[in-house]
Protein backbone atom coordinates (compact mmCIF):
# COMPACT_ATOMS: atom_id res chain seq x y z
CA MET A 1 67.72 136.80 82.94
CA GLN A 2 68.89 133.39 82.12
CA ASP A 3 68.82 130.77 84.90
CA THR A 4 72.90 130.69 85.49
CA ALA A 5 72.29 127.31 87.57
CA GLN A 6 70.24 125.85 84.57
CA ASP A 7 72.63 127.14 82.00
CA SER A 8 75.45 125.65 83.97
CA ILE A 9 74.12 122.22 83.68
CA GLU A 10 73.00 122.12 80.11
CA THR A 11 77.00 123.34 79.77
CA PHE A 12 77.74 120.17 81.02
CA ILE A 13 75.21 118.23 79.29
CA TYR A 14 76.73 119.55 75.85
CA ASP A 15 80.28 119.31 77.02
CA ILE A 16 80.42 115.80 78.84
CA PRO A 17 81.46 112.80 76.48
CA LYS A 18 78.71 110.20 76.06
CA ALA A 19 77.70 107.55 73.25
CA GLU A 20 74.93 107.28 71.32
CA THR A 21 73.10 103.71 71.71
CA HIS A 22 69.84 103.84 69.66
CA VAL A 23 69.84 105.62 66.45
CA HIS A 24 68.55 104.69 62.99
CA VAL A 25 70.24 105.57 59.63
CA GLN A 26 67.11 105.77 57.86
CA GLY A 27 65.87 108.32 60.64
CA CYS A 28 68.53 110.65 60.24
CA VAL A 29 67.35 111.74 56.86
CA THR A 30 66.69 115.60 57.93
CA PRO A 31 64.38 117.42 55.65
CA GLU A 32 67.16 119.12 53.91
CA LEU A 33 68.57 115.81 52.81
CA MET A 34 65.21 114.15 51.80
CA LEU A 35 64.90 117.07 49.15
CA LYS A 36 68.09 116.89 47.82
CA PHE A 37 68.48 113.17 47.55
CA ALA A 38 64.62 113.30 45.92
CA GLU A 39 66.25 115.55 43.46
CA ARG A 40 69.40 113.89 42.63
CA ASN A 41 67.34 110.26 42.34
CA GLN A 42 64.30 112.12 40.48
CA ILE A 43 62.02 110.63 42.87
CA PRO A 44 58.61 113.06 42.71
CA LEU A 45 57.54 114.48 46.05
CA GLN A 46 54.50 116.85 47.31
CA TYR A 47 57.24 118.84 49.14
CA GLN A 48 58.75 121.96 47.75
CA SER A 49 60.89 123.11 51.18
CA PRO A 50 62.05 121.69 54.35
CA ASP A 51 59.46 123.43 56.03
CA GLU A 52 57.11 121.28 54.06
CA VAL A 53 58.61 118.54 55.04
CA LYS A 54 58.46 119.33 58.64
CA ALA A 55 54.92 120.28 58.34
CA TYR A 56 54.14 117.11 56.91
CA ILE A 57 55.84 114.90 59.67
CA ALA A 58 53.47 117.30 62.36
CA THR A 59 50.52 116.12 61.15
CA CYS A 60 51.03 112.53 62.21
CA SER A 61 49.99 111.70 65.62
CA SER A 62 52.65 110.04 68.12
CA ASP A 63 51.78 106.29 67.73
CA LEU A 64 54.18 103.38 66.22
CA ALA A 65 52.53 102.80 63.13
CA ALA A 66 52.21 106.95 61.88
CA PHE A 67 55.84 107.34 63.08
CA ILE A 68 56.79 104.32 61.12
CA GLN A 69 55.01 105.83 58.00
CA VAL A 70 56.53 108.93 58.80
CA LEU A 71 59.99 107.42 58.73
CA ASN A 72 59.14 105.32 55.30
CA GLU A 73 57.95 108.23 53.58
CA VAL A 74 61.42 110.36 54.75
CA SER A 75 63.64 107.55 54.01
CA SER A 76 62.37 106.11 50.28
CA VAL A 77 64.57 108.58 49.10
CA LEU A 78 67.65 106.52 49.88
CA ARG A 79 68.99 105.09 47.13
CA THR A 80 72.39 105.37 46.38
CA GLU A 81 75.44 104.23 48.27
CA GLU A 82 76.07 108.16 48.56
CA ASP A 83 72.87 108.93 49.99
CA TYR A 84 73.65 106.54 53.04
CA TYR A 85 77.44 107.91 53.20
CA GLU A 86 75.89 111.78 53.28
CA THR A 87 73.22 111.00 55.71
CA ALA A 88 75.59 108.56 58.08
CA LEU A 89 78.20 111.50 58.09
CA ASP A 90 75.63 114.67 58.40
CA TYR A 91 74.44 112.46 61.61
CA LEU A 92 78.24 112.08 62.64
CA PHE A 93 79.20 115.85 61.95
CA ARG A 94 76.35 116.90 63.89
CA SER A 95 76.85 114.46 67.19
CA ALA A 96 80.43 115.00 66.90
CA GLN A 97 79.52 118.91 68.02
CA GLN A 98 77.74 117.39 70.78
CA ASN A 99 80.74 115.65 72.22
CA VAL A 100 79.13 111.99 70.82
CA LYS A 101 82.33 110.08 71.07
CA PHE A 102 80.34 106.62 70.03
CA ALA A 103 77.32 105.69 68.38
CA GLU A 104 75.77 102.49 67.57
CA MET A 105 73.81 103.06 64.23
CA GLN A 106 71.13 100.57 63.10
CA PHE A 107 70.22 100.21 59.41
CA ASP A 108 67.62 98.11 57.79
CA PRO A 109 68.57 96.66 54.86
CA GLN A 110 65.42 95.12 53.68
CA PRO A 111 64.46 98.18 52.18
CA ALA A 112 67.24 99.31 50.75
CA ILE A 113 67.82 95.69 48.92
CA GLU A 114 64.18 96.57 47.76
CA ASN A 115 65.52 99.61 45.97
CA GLY A 116 68.04 98.01 44.03
CA LEU A 117 71.32 98.10 46.56
CA SER A 118 73.03 95.81 47.87
CA LEU A 119 74.19 95.25 51.10
CA GLY A 120 77.68 95.60 50.25
CA ALA A 121 76.58 99.15 48.65
CA VAL A 122 74.97 100.07 51.71
CA LEU A 123 78.05 99.12 54.32
CA SER A 124 80.39 100.79 51.75
CA GLY A 125 78.83 104.19 51.79
CA LEU A 126 78.21 103.91 55.69
CA ASN A 127 81.77 102.81 56.13
CA ALA A 128 83.16 106.00 54.16
CA ALA A 129 81.17 107.95 56.18
CA ARG A 130 82.34 106.43 59.38
CA GLN A 131 86.36 106.53 58.43
CA LYS A 132 86.10 110.35 57.55
CA ALA A 133 84.20 111.11 60.76
CA ARG A 134 86.66 109.02 62.55
CA GLU A 135 89.43 111.24 60.80
CA GLU A 136 88.31 114.54 60.77
CA TYR A 137 85.32 114.75 64.06
CA GLN A 138 86.72 112.09 66.30
CA ILE A 139 84.09 110.18 66.60
CA ASP A 140 83.41 106.67 65.76
CA CYS A 141 80.76 104.03 65.15
CA HIS A 142 79.70 100.62 64.11
CA TRP A 143 76.27 99.57 62.72
CA ILE A 144 73.34 97.20 63.89
CA MET A 145 71.84 95.36 60.86
CA SER A 146 67.94 95.60 62.41
CA PHE A 147 65.35 93.32 60.34
CA ASN A 148 61.77 94.41 59.73
CA ARG A 149 59.50 92.59 62.21
CA ASP A 150 56.47 93.04 59.78
CA ARG A 151 58.41 91.01 57.08
CA SER A 152 59.32 87.42 57.06
CA PRO A 153 62.12 85.64 58.95
CA GLU A 154 63.11 83.94 56.01
CA SER A 155 63.65 87.45 54.22
CA ALA A 156 66.04 88.01 57.62
CA MET A 157 67.96 84.58 57.13
CA GLU A 158 68.49 85.89 53.04
CA ILE A 159 70.27 89.10 54.78
CA LEU A 160 72.28 87.00 56.98
CA SER A 161 73.57 84.69 54.01
CA MET A 162 74.51 88.17 52.34
CA ALA A 163 76.15 89.01 55.56
CA GLU A 164 78.49 86.31 55.50
CA THR A 165 80.90 88.05 52.79
CA GLU A 166 79.80 91.55 53.73
CA GLN A 167 80.09 92.55 57.53
CA GLU A 168 82.42 95.29 57.92
CA ASN A 169 81.91 97.02 61.21
CA VAL A 170 78.21 95.42 62.27
CA VAL A 171 78.60 94.11 65.15
CA ALA A 172 74.86 93.35 65.67
CA VAL A 173 71.09 92.45 64.54
CA GLY A 174 68.05 93.67 65.84
CA LEU A 175 64.33 93.78 64.88
CA ASP A 176 62.51 96.83 64.12
CA HIS A 177 59.82 98.21 62.38
CA GLN A 178 56.29 97.38 62.62
CA ASP A 179 54.98 95.41 66.01
CA THR A 180 53.71 91.88 65.46
CA PRO A 181 52.50 89.80 67.67
CA GLY A 182 54.51 86.73 68.47
CA TYR A 183 57.73 88.12 66.45
CA THR A 184 59.91 86.95 69.30
CA ASN A 185 59.17 83.42 68.62
CA ARG A 186 59.35 83.61 65.10
CA PHE A 187 62.49 85.16 64.48
CA LYS A 188 64.26 82.71 67.35
CA THR A 189 65.92 80.60 64.70
CA VAL A 190 67.22 83.98 62.45
CA PHE A 191 68.78 85.04 66.23
CA ASP A 192 70.60 82.03 66.92
CA ARG A 193 72.10 81.96 63.53
CA ALA A 194 73.61 85.54 63.73
CA ALA A 195 75.01 84.58 67.08
CA GLU A 196 76.82 81.75 65.44
CA MET A 197 77.96 84.14 63.10
CA GLY A 198 79.04 86.22 65.87
CA PHE A 199 76.55 88.75 65.73
CA LYS A 200 75.18 90.62 68.97
CA ARG A 201 71.48 91.07 69.39
CA THR A 202 69.21 92.92 70.38
CA THR A 203 64.97 93.93 69.81
CA HIS A 204 62.83 96.57 69.94
CA VAL A 205 60.32 96.27 72.30
CA ASP A 206 57.86 99.15 71.78
CA LEU A 207 56.04 100.93 73.80
CA TYR A 208 51.89 100.92 74.22
CA GLU A 209 51.90 97.14 72.35
CA ASP A 210 49.69 94.39 74.07
CA ASN A 211 51.18 91.92 76.39
CA ALA A 212 54.66 93.81 77.34
CA ALA A 213 55.99 91.30 79.73
CA GLU A 214 55.43 88.64 76.86
CA ARG A 215 57.68 90.93 74.73
CA VAL A 216 60.46 91.83 77.25
CA TRP A 217 60.42 88.01 78.19
CA GLY A 218 60.47 86.83 74.81
CA ALA A 219 63.48 88.94 74.03
CA ILE A 220 65.40 87.29 76.74
CA LYS A 221 64.21 83.86 76.81
CA ASP A 222 63.79 83.38 72.91
CA LEU A 223 65.96 86.14 71.03
CA GLN A 224 68.47 86.00 73.89
CA VAL A 225 69.36 89.72 73.29
CA ASP A 226 73.29 90.75 74.69
CA GLY A 227 72.28 92.78 77.50
CA ARG A 228 70.10 95.17 76.21
CA ILE A 229 66.62 95.91 74.78
CA ASP A 230 66.15 98.62 72.52
CA HIS A 231 62.97 100.81 74.39
CA GLY A 232 61.27 98.06 76.98
CA ILE A 233 59.57 100.28 79.13
CA ASP A 234 56.40 98.75 79.57
CA GLY A 235 58.31 95.88 80.91
CA LEU A 236 58.93 97.77 83.97
CA ALA A 237 55.53 97.20 85.16
CA ASP A 238 56.47 93.35 85.90
CA MET A 239 58.22 92.99 89.03
CA LYS A 240 60.08 90.05 88.08
CA PHE A 241 61.48 91.98 84.90
CA CYS A 242 63.22 94.94 87.46
CA GLN A 243 64.55 92.09 89.68
CA HIS A 244 66.20 90.24 86.23
CA MET A 245 67.63 93.47 85.14
CA SER A 246 68.96 94.26 88.91
CA ARG A 247 70.54 91.07 88.65
CA SER A 248 71.87 90.35 84.83
CA GLY A 249 72.60 94.20 84.05
CA LEU A 250 70.01 94.06 81.07
CA ALA A 251 69.94 97.62 80.41
CA LEU A 252 67.43 99.77 78.14
CA ALA A 253 67.85 102.36 75.56
CA VAL A 254 65.14 104.36 75.50
CA THR A 255 64.27 107.10 73.16
CA PRO A 256 62.22 110.23 74.72
CA THR A 257 61.63 112.39 71.48
CA LEU A 258 58.69 110.63 69.44
CA PHE A 259 56.45 113.80 69.57
CA PHE A 260 56.54 115.28 66.57
CA ASN A 261 55.74 119.02 66.65
CA GLU A 262 54.60 118.82 70.11
CA ASP A 263 56.68 120.32 73.03
CA PRO A 264 57.90 117.37 75.06
CA GLU A 265 55.67 119.03 78.13
CA ILE A 266 52.53 118.03 76.70
CA SER A 267 53.31 114.83 74.92
CA THR A 268 52.26 111.44 77.18
CA TYR A 269 55.24 109.66 74.94
CA PHE A 270 57.60 112.11 76.36
CA LYS A 271 56.46 111.80 79.82
CA ASP A 272 55.86 108.16 80.30
CA VAL A 273 59.39 107.64 79.10
CA CYS A 274 60.86 110.33 81.39
CA GLY A 275 58.83 108.53 83.97
CA ALA A 276 60.41 105.16 83.11
CA VAL A 277 63.61 107.38 83.39
CA ARG A 278 63.19 108.32 86.66
CA TYR A 279 62.04 104.97 87.86
CA MET A 280 64.91 103.24 86.62
CA LEU A 281 67.56 106.00 87.80
CA ASP A 282 66.08 105.61 91.60
CA HIS A 283 65.92 101.69 91.35
CA ASP A 284 69.60 101.22 89.91
CA LEU A 285 68.70 100.08 86.80
CA ASN A 286 70.55 100.47 83.87
CA VAL A 287 69.22 102.79 81.12
CA THR A 288 70.75 105.14 78.67
CA ILE A 289 68.94 108.12 76.76
CA SER A 290 69.27 108.00 72.81
CA THR A 291 67.52 110.27 69.83
CA ASP A 292 65.82 107.50 67.51
CA ASP A 293 65.39 109.57 64.75
CA PRO A 294 66.62 112.78 64.96
CA GLY A 295 66.18 114.12 61.53
CA ILE A 296 62.41 113.44 62.08
CA PHE A 297 61.60 114.25 65.77
CA GLY A 298 63.06 117.94 65.52
CA MET A 299 66.86 117.85 65.02
CA ASN A 300 66.97 116.89 68.73
CA TYR A 301 70.38 115.28 68.82
CA GLU A 302 72.04 113.38 71.73
CA SER A 303 73.09 116.68 73.83
CA ASP A 304 69.42 118.43 72.45
CA THR A 305 67.37 115.07 73.90
CA LEU A 306 69.55 114.87 77.22
CA CYS A 307 68.35 118.78 77.76
CA LEU A 308 65.08 118.22 77.35
CA VAL A 309 64.71 115.19 79.67
CA GLN A 310 66.63 117.08 82.32
CA ARG A 311 64.63 119.84 82.56
CA PHE A 312 61.60 117.69 82.62
CA LEU A 313 63.02 115.65 85.19
CA GLU A 314 65.68 118.14 87.23
CA LEU A 315 68.41 115.46 86.76
CA THR A 316 71.52 116.30 88.26
CA LYS A 317 75.07 116.13 87.30
CA GLU A 318 75.75 113.10 88.70
CA GLU A 319 72.86 111.45 87.29
CA ILE A 320 73.97 113.01 83.80
CA VAL A 321 77.44 110.99 84.59
CA ARG A 322 75.65 108.08 85.40
CA LEU A 323 73.82 108.38 82.40
CA ALA A 324 77.18 109.15 80.62
CA LYS A 325 78.70 106.06 81.95
CA ASN A 326 75.29 103.56 80.96
CA SER A 327 75.88 104.76 77.38
CA PHE A 328 79.55 103.76 77.38
CA ASP A 329 79.01 100.35 79.29
CA MET A 330 76.21 99.42 76.94
CA LEU A 331 78.73 99.55 73.93
CA TRP A 332 79.73 96.35 72.39
CA LEU A 333 82.91 97.45 72.53
CA ASP A 334 86.13 95.40 74.48
CA GLU A 335 87.16 96.45 77.80
CA ALA A 336 90.19 98.40 76.74
CA GLN A 337 87.87 100.67 74.38
CA LYS A 338 85.51 100.91 77.17
CA SER A 339 87.91 101.81 79.79
CA ARG A 340 89.34 104.54 77.46
CA PHE A 341 85.99 106.43 77.25
CA GLN A 342 84.88 105.75 80.90
CA ASP A 343 88.37 107.46 81.59
CA MET A 344 86.74 110.59 79.91
CA LEU A 345 84.32 111.18 82.25
CA VAL A 346 86.70 111.08 85.42
CA PRO A 347 87.10 114.99 85.71
CA PHE A 348 83.14 115.43 85.02
CA GLU A 349 82.18 112.97 87.92
CA GLN A 350 84.62 115.30 90.12
CA SER A 351 82.68 118.05 89.18
CA ALA A 352 79.44 116.75 90.04
CA ARG A 353 80.90 115.37 93.34
CA LYS A 354 82.08 118.68 94.29
CA LEU A 355 78.62 120.18 93.62
CA THR A 356 77.14 117.78 96.14
CA THR A 357 79.56 117.93 99.09
């Protein structure tokens, strides 16, 4: 017999309106799309079926270098405007089914340009998907243009120059890919220029990298991130950073599903992220839970991921409402748009409150 109370809270999670604050377009390439694009673009692969792609993913260890190897392999099939369109639309359709109302989606322009696409072509494909999703699925999104930390700041500056005329629905810049020492200082000039152009700023500060405190403070002082850091939970060991989060309202966009084929209960990464979520909820610090790369991480989309965390932490409905509120608060939207989304949460907040009174 199924647990009725657990069924109820999982239904609550799937039904509640929410936003996705950290997801990569390249990581939304599903095994099926990977094979489809490879065939269409005449790219030879060693995989013949989605199960073989999943088996390849399952062989990798749960660390940043292994993940990037998988991500590069899977996303190497993205070669045309149509590929970007189909990838974004597939993600938006699946997310709309889980009542995601808005997504801030990161994309990496540098590998796309190396594969022969222009920035304009990438954005044309992405924006066509956005338009269709808005009209047919009632979900909206915008784009974060993320530069690779293991490439040069000069390369990122070249992309910014292209973005002078090609930036439709691009709201921010970010940094991702392989961590490299001192990156917050090296990319300071790039981020300063991006701010002058009107872009918001965020950066990855990944787990298990050396000198976590130096990295989160570099994000704040060098890059001057606008109210958020992607990942960043190792910085919580620094009490001064926690105090800064509390005073400033800085939020962390965390993603717990870097466990490939492992059950979350045996994944060190999953447990460490969940522990950080519990700490932040208990200490009234701003946190959101997102999917990162659902095409790679077991097809766990936003509500799926929230359910995994809820089961592990035994989150209450009030805490689920708080996470949903945080997800809308973190978005780079005007206050009127945010208020419209927050209003959608009122009946869920009332329902959760009744449960505890």
